[in-house]
Amino acid sequence: MDLFMRVTPSAAPAEVARPAPDRIISGDPVHTTWNAEERGGLYCGIWESTPGKWRIAYDEWEYCRILSGRSVITDENGAEHRIGPGDSFILRPGFRGSWEVIETTRKDYVIVL
């Protein structure tokens, strides 16, 4: 096992997906994920989405840092969190709301189950 790994899109094959149809609020967002590591409840890599809006519900911890693009995360109480390049944040288990990609957004992430 290599003890050092750069987290770049070239580090892993791209996985392309869309939100489940019942979660989409608007648009046709396409998600591309490059999972650099998946081990024992830990996931990390790079994720990108094209514009659109969908409902989100977190059962896990996720740390994110926005690399490019602009998005709005809105919690279930209506509080909007505008995020862009350089912004870092944590979504905790139990977070419910929506994610709207305004400009194609790329983030690096670490998820812990």
N, C-alpha and C. Protein backbone atom coordinates (compact mmCIF):
# COMPACT_ATOMS: atom_id res chain seq x y z
N MET A 1 0.85 -1.18 0.00
CA MET A 1 0.00 0.00 0.00
C MET A 1 0.90 1.24 0.00
N ASP A 2 0.60 2.14 -0.90
CA ASP A 2 1.33 3.41 -0.97
C ASP A 2 0.84 4.30 0.17
N LEU A 3 1.74 4.86 0.93
CA LEU A 3 1.36 5.69 2.08
C LEU A 3 1.17 7.15 1.72
N PHE A 4 1.39 7.51 0.48
CA PHE A 4 1.19 8.88 0.00
C PHE A 4 0.40 8.81 -1.29
N MET A 5 -0.62 9.64 -1.41
CA MET A 5 -1.43 9.67 -2.64
C MET A 5 -1.88 11.09 -2.90
N ARG A 6 -1.64 11.56 -4.09
CA ARG A 6 -2.20 12.85 -4.49
C ARG A 6 -3.66 12.64 -4.86
N VAL A 7 -4.50 13.56 -4.43
CA VAL A 7 -5.92 13.47 -4.74
C VAL A 7 -6.18 14.39 -5.93
N THR A 8 -6.20 13.78 -7.11
CA THR A 8 -6.44 14.48 -8.36
C THR A 8 -7.38 13.63 -9.20
N PRO A 9 -8.06 14.22 -10.17
CA PRO A 9 -8.93 13.40 -11.02
C PRO A 9 -8.18 12.25 -11.71
N SER A 10 -6.89 12.41 -11.95
CA SER A 10 -6.15 11.33 -12.61
C SER A 10 -5.81 10.19 -11.64
N ALA A 11 -6.06 10.36 -10.34
CA ALA A 11 -5.74 9.34 -9.35
C ALA A 11 -6.74 8.19 -9.32
N ALA A 12 -7.90 8.38 -9.93
CA ALA A 12 -8.94 7.36 -9.87
C ALA A 12 -9.83 7.46 -11.11
N PRO A 13 -10.48 6.37 -11.49
CA PRO A 13 -11.42 6.45 -12.62
C PRO A 13 -12.64 7.29 -12.27
N ALA A 14 -13.17 7.98 -13.26
CA ALA A 14 -14.35 8.82 -13.05
C ALA A 14 -15.61 7.95 -12.97
N GLU A 15 -16.47 8.29 -12.00
CA GLU A 15 -17.79 7.67 -11.89
C GLU A 15 -18.81 8.76 -12.17
N VAL A 16 -19.68 8.55 -13.14
CA VAL A 16 -20.67 9.55 -13.52
C VAL A 16 -22.05 9.08 -13.07
N ALA A 17 -22.79 9.99 -12.43
CA ALA A 17 -24.13 9.66 -11.91
C ALA A 17 -24.98 10.92 -11.89
N ARG A 18 -26.24 10.72 -11.62
CA ARG A 18 -27.19 11.81 -11.43
C ARG A 18 -27.92 11.58 -10.11
N PRO A 19 -28.48 12.64 -9.51
CA PRO A 19 -29.31 12.41 -8.32
C PRO A 19 -30.50 11.55 -8.69
N ALA A 20 -31.04 10.83 -7.72
CA ALA A 20 -32.26 10.05 -7.95
C ALA A 20 -33.35 10.99 -8.46
N PRO A 21 -34.16 10.55 -9.41
CA PRO A 21 -35.20 11.42 -9.98
C PRO A 21 -36.12 12.07 -8.94
N ASP A 22 -36.42 11.35 -7.84
CA ASP A 22 -37.31 11.93 -6.83
C ASP A 22 -36.64 12.99 -5.98
N ARG A 23 -35.33 13.18 -6.13
CA ARG A 23 -34.61 14.22 -5.38
C ARG A 23 -34.39 15.49 -6.20
N ILE A 24 -34.52 15.40 -7.51
CA ILE A 24 -34.26 16.56 -8.36
C ILE A 24 -35.36 17.60 -8.20
N ILE A 25 -34.92 18.85 -7.98
CA ILE A 25 -35.85 19.98 -7.87
C ILE A 25 -35.87 20.74 -9.19
N SER A 26 -34.70 20.94 -9.80
CA SER A 26 -34.64 21.62 -11.09
C SER A 26 -33.37 21.24 -11.83
N GLY A 27 -33.41 21.40 -13.15
CA GLY A 27 -32.24 21.13 -13.98
C GLY A 27 -31.98 19.65 -14.17
N ASP A 28 -30.80 19.36 -14.71
CA ASP A 28 -30.37 17.99 -14.96
C ASP A 28 -28.91 17.86 -14.53
N PRO A 29 -28.66 17.93 -13.21
CA PRO A 29 -27.27 17.90 -12.75
C PRO A 29 -26.61 16.55 -13.02
N VAL A 30 -25.37 16.60 -13.47
CA VAL A 30 -24.57 15.40 -13.69
C VAL A 30 -23.39 15.47 -12.73
N HIS A 31 -23.20 14.41 -11.96
CA HIS A 31 -22.13 14.35 -10.97
C HIS A 31 -21.01 13.45 -11.48
N THR A 32 -19.79 13.93 -11.37
CA THR A 32 -18.62 13.10 -11.67
C THR A 32 -17.81 13.02 -10.39
N THR A 33 -17.47 11.79 -10.00
CA THR A 33 -16.72 11.56 -8.76
C THR A 33 -15.47 10.77 -9.07
N TRP A 34 -14.36 11.21 -8.49
CA TRP A 34 -13.10 10.49 -8.55
C TRP A 34 -12.78 10.08 -7.12
N ASN A 35 -13.13 8.84 -6.73
CA ASN A 35 -12.89 8.34 -5.38
C ASN A 35 -11.43 7.91 -5.27
N ALA A 36 -10.66 8.66 -4.51
CA ALA A 36 -9.25 8.33 -4.33
C ALA A 36 -9.06 7.24 -3.29
N GLU A 37 -9.95 7.18 -2.31
CA GLU A 37 -9.81 6.20 -1.23
C GLU A 37 -11.18 5.80 -0.72
N GLU A 38 -11.39 4.50 -0.54
CA GLU A 38 -12.60 3.95 0.07
C GLU A 38 -12.13 2.84 0.99
N ARG A 39 -12.18 3.09 2.30
CA ARG A 39 -11.64 2.10 3.22
C ARG A 39 -12.29 2.25 4.59
N GLY A 40 -12.91 1.19 5.07
CA GLY A 40 -13.41 1.15 6.44
C GLY A 40 -14.29 2.31 6.84
N GLY A 41 -15.20 2.73 5.99
CA GLY A 41 -16.09 3.84 6.33
C GLY A 41 -15.52 5.22 6.04
N LEU A 42 -14.35 5.27 5.41
CA LEU A 42 -13.72 6.54 5.02
C LEU A 42 -13.70 6.62 3.50
N TYR A 43 -14.14 7.74 2.97
CA TYR A 43 -14.14 7.98 1.53
C TYR A 43 -13.55 9.36 1.30
N CYS A 44 -12.71 9.49 0.28
CA CYS A 44 -12.21 10.82 -0.06
C CYS A 44 -11.90 10.86 -1.54
N GLY A 45 -11.95 12.07 -2.08
CA GLY A 45 -11.68 12.25 -3.49
C GLY A 45 -12.12 13.62 -3.96
N ILE A 46 -12.49 13.66 -5.22
CA ILE A 46 -12.95 14.90 -5.85
C ILE A 46 -14.30 14.63 -6.48
N TRP A 47 -15.18 15.60 -6.35
CA TRP A 47 -16.55 15.51 -6.89
C TRP A 47 -16.82 16.77 -7.67
N GLU A 48 -17.57 16.63 -8.76
CA GLU A 48 -17.95 17.77 -9.57
C GLU A 48 -19.40 17.60 -10.01
N SER A 49 -20.12 18.72 -10.10
CA SER A 49 -21.50 18.68 -10.57
C SER A 49 -21.76 19.83 -11.52
N THR A 50 -22.55 19.53 -12.54
CA THR A 50 -23.04 20.56 -13.45
C THR A 50 -24.27 21.21 -12.80
N PRO A 51 -24.74 22.35 -13.32
CA PRO A 51 -25.85 23.07 -12.69
C PRO A 51 -27.13 22.25 -12.54
N GLY A 52 -27.83 22.55 -11.47
CA GLY A 52 -29.10 21.92 -11.14
C GLY A 52 -29.31 22.03 -9.64
N LYS A 53 -30.47 21.56 -9.18
CA LYS A 53 -30.80 21.62 -7.76
C LYS A 53 -31.48 20.32 -7.35
N TRP A 54 -31.07 19.78 -6.18
CA TRP A 54 -31.64 18.53 -5.70
C TRP A 54 -31.68 18.53 -4.18
N ARG A 55 -32.55 17.67 -3.64
CA ARG A 55 -32.66 17.50 -2.19
C ARG A 55 -31.50 16.66 -1.68
N ILE A 56 -30.96 17.03 -0.49
CA ILE A 56 -29.88 16.26 0.12
C ILE A 56 -30.28 15.86 1.54
N ALA A 57 -29.78 14.71 1.97
CA ALA A 57 -30.01 14.21 3.33
C ALA A 57 -28.76 13.44 3.73
N TYR A 58 -28.10 13.90 4.79
CA TYR A 58 -26.83 13.31 5.20
C TYR A 58 -27.00 12.41 6.42
N ASP A 59 -26.46 11.20 6.34
CA ASP A 59 -26.38 10.27 7.47
C ASP A 59 -24.93 10.11 7.90
N GLU A 60 -24.03 10.80 7.22
CA GLU A 60 -22.59 10.70 7.46
C GLU A 60 -22.00 12.08 7.67
N TRP A 61 -20.74 12.13 8.10
CA TRP A 61 -19.98 13.37 8.21
C TRP A 61 -19.30 13.61 6.87
N GLU A 62 -19.33 14.86 6.39
CA GLU A 62 -18.59 15.18 5.18
C GLU A 62 -17.90 16.54 5.34
N TYR A 63 -16.60 16.53 5.10
CA TYR A 63 -15.81 17.76 5.02
C TYR A 63 -15.61 18.04 3.54
N CYS A 64 -15.82 19.30 3.13
CA CYS A 64 -15.65 19.69 1.73
C CYS A 64 -14.83 20.97 1.64
N ARG A 65 -14.11 21.09 0.54
CA ARG A 65 -13.44 22.35 0.19
C ARG A 65 -13.75 22.59 -1.27
N ILE A 66 -14.32 23.75 -1.57
CA ILE A 66 -14.70 24.07 -2.94
C ILE A 66 -13.45 24.50 -3.71
N LEU A 67 -13.23 23.83 -4.82
CA LEU A 67 -12.08 24.12 -5.68
C LEU A 67 -12.44 25.12 -6.77
N SER A 68 -13.67 24.99 -7.30
CA SER A 68 -14.11 25.91 -8.35
C SER A 68 -15.63 25.89 -8.42
N GLY A 69 -16.20 26.94 -9.00
CA GLY A 69 -17.64 27.02 -9.19
C GLY A 69 -18.35 27.68 -8.02
N ARG A 70 -19.67 27.78 -8.16
CA ARG A 70 -20.51 28.42 -7.14
C ARG A 70 -21.75 27.57 -6.92
N SER A 71 -22.11 27.41 -5.65
CA SER A 71 -23.30 26.65 -5.27
C SER A 71 -23.98 27.33 -4.10
N VAL A 72 -25.21 26.89 -3.83
CA VAL A 72 -25.96 27.34 -2.67
C VAL A 72 -26.50 26.09 -1.97
N ILE A 73 -26.12 25.93 -0.71
CA ILE A 73 -26.67 24.85 0.11
C ILE A 73 -27.69 25.50 1.03
N THR A 74 -28.91 24.97 1.02
CA THR A 74 -29.99 25.52 1.83
C THR A 74 -30.44 24.46 2.81
N ASP A 75 -30.51 24.82 4.11
CA ASP A 75 -30.95 23.82 5.08
C ASP A 75 -32.48 23.76 5.09
N GLU A 76 -33.00 22.77 5.81
CA GLU A 76 -34.45 22.55 5.80
C GLU A 76 -35.25 23.69 6.41
N ASN A 77 -34.58 24.61 7.13
CA ASN A 77 -35.24 25.79 7.68
C ASN A 77 -35.17 26.99 6.75
N GLY A 78 -34.52 26.81 5.58
CA GLY A 78 -34.45 27.88 4.59
C GLY A 78 -33.21 28.75 4.65
N ALA A 79 -32.29 28.48 5.57
CA ALA A 79 -31.05 29.27 5.64
C ALA A 79 -30.14 28.89 4.48
N GLU A 80 -29.73 29.90 3.70
CA GLU A 80 -28.88 29.68 2.52
C GLU A 80 -27.41 29.87 2.87
N HIS A 81 -26.58 28.99 2.35
CA HIS A 81 -25.13 29.07 2.53
C HIS A 81 -24.52 29.10 1.13
N ARG A 82 -24.07 30.28 0.71
CA ARG A 82 -23.45 30.43 -0.61
C ARG A 82 -21.99 30.04 -0.50
N ILE A 83 -21.55 29.16 -1.39
CA ILE A 83 -20.18 28.66 -1.33
C ILE A 83 -19.50 28.82 -2.68
N GLY A 84 -18.18 29.05 -2.61
CA GLY A 84 -17.38 29.22 -3.82
C GLY A 84 -15.95 28.82 -3.55
N PRO A 85 -15.07 29.06 -4.51
CA PRO A 85 -13.68 28.63 -4.41
C PRO A 85 -13.02 29.06 -3.10
N GLY A 86 -12.37 28.08 -2.45
CA GLY A 86 -11.68 28.33 -1.19
C GLY A 86 -12.52 28.10 0.04
N ASP A 87 -13.84 28.02 -0.09
CA ASP A 87 -14.70 27.78 1.07
C ASP A 87 -14.60 26.33 1.53
N SER A 88 -14.51 26.13 2.83
CA SER A 88 -14.50 24.81 3.45
C SER A 88 -15.66 24.73 4.42
N PHE A 89 -16.25 23.54 4.56
CA PHE A 89 -17.37 23.38 5.48
C PHE A 89 -17.56 21.91 5.81
N ILE A 90 -18.36 21.67 6.84
CA ILE A 90 -18.70 20.32 7.26
C ILE A 90 -20.22 20.18 7.22
N LEU A 91 -20.69 19.09 6.65
CA LEU A 91 -22.10 18.70 6.72
C LEU A 91 -22.16 17.53 7.69
N ARG A 92 -22.98 17.67 8.72
CA ARG A 92 -23.06 16.67 9.78
C ARG A 92 -24.23 15.72 9.54
N PRO A 93 -24.16 14.54 10.15
CA PRO A 93 -25.30 13.61 10.04
C PRO A 93 -26.57 14.30 10.50
N GLY A 94 -27.63 14.10 9.74
CA GLY A 94 -28.92 14.72 10.06
C GLY A 94 -29.20 15.97 9.24
N PHE A 95 -28.17 16.49 8.52
CA PHE A 95 -28.40 17.69 7.70
C PHE A 95 -29.38 17.33 6.58
N ARG A 96 -30.40 18.16 6.42
CA ARG A 96 -31.40 17.99 5.36
C ARG A 96 -31.57 19.33 4.67
N GLY A 97 -31.80 19.31 3.38
CA GLY A 97 -32.01 20.55 2.64
C GLY A 97 -31.84 20.33 1.16
N SER A 98 -31.18 21.29 0.49
CA SER A 98 -30.97 21.18 -0.95
C SER A 98 -29.58 21.71 -1.30
N TRP A 99 -29.09 21.24 -2.44
CA TRP A 99 -27.82 21.71 -3.00
C TRP A 99 -28.15 22.21 -4.39
N GLU A 100 -27.84 23.48 -4.65
CA GLU A 100 -28.05 24.06 -5.97
C GLU A 100 -26.70 24.47 -6.54
N VAL A 101 -26.35 23.90 -7.68
CA VAL A 101 -25.13 24.28 -8.37
C VAL A 101 -25.50 25.40 -9.34
N ILE A 102 -24.91 26.57 -9.13
CA ILE A 102 -25.13 27.73 -9.99
C ILE A 102 -24.15 27.69 -11.16
N GLU A 103 -22.87 27.48 -10.86
CA GLU A 103 -21.81 27.28 -11.85
C GLU A 103 -21.20 25.92 -11.55
N THR A 104 -20.88 25.15 -12.57
CA THR A 104 -20.28 23.83 -12.35
C THR A 104 -19.30 23.92 -11.18
N THR A 105 -19.54 23.07 -10.19
CA THR A 105 -18.80 23.12 -8.93
C THR A 105 -17.94 21.86 -8.76
N ARG A 106 -16.70 22.08 -8.34
CA ARG A 106 -15.79 20.99 -8.03
C ARG A 106 -15.32 21.15 -6.59
N LYS A 107 -15.33 20.03 -5.85
CA LYS A 107 -14.90 20.06 -4.45
C LYS A 107 -14.01 18.85 -4.19
N ASP A 108 -13.14 18.97 -3.18
CA ASP A 108 -12.55 17.76 -2.64
C ASP A 108 -13.30 17.47 -1.36
N TYR A 109 -13.34 16.21 -0.97
CA TYR A 109 -14.17 15.82 0.15
C TYR A 109 -13.54 14.68 0.93
N VAL A 110 -13.97 14.58 2.17
CA VAL A 110 -13.68 13.44 3.03
C VAL A 110 -15.00 13.08 3.72
N ILE A 111 -15.42 11.84 3.57
CA ILE A 111 -16.65 11.36 4.19
C ILE A 111 -16.28 10.29 5.20
N VAL A 112 -16.90 10.38 6.38
CA VAL A 112 -16.74 9.35 7.42
C VAL A 112 -18.12 8.85 7.78
N LEU A 113 -18.31 7.54 7.66
CA LEU A 113 -19.61 6.93 8.00
C LEU A 113 -19.72 6.70 9.50
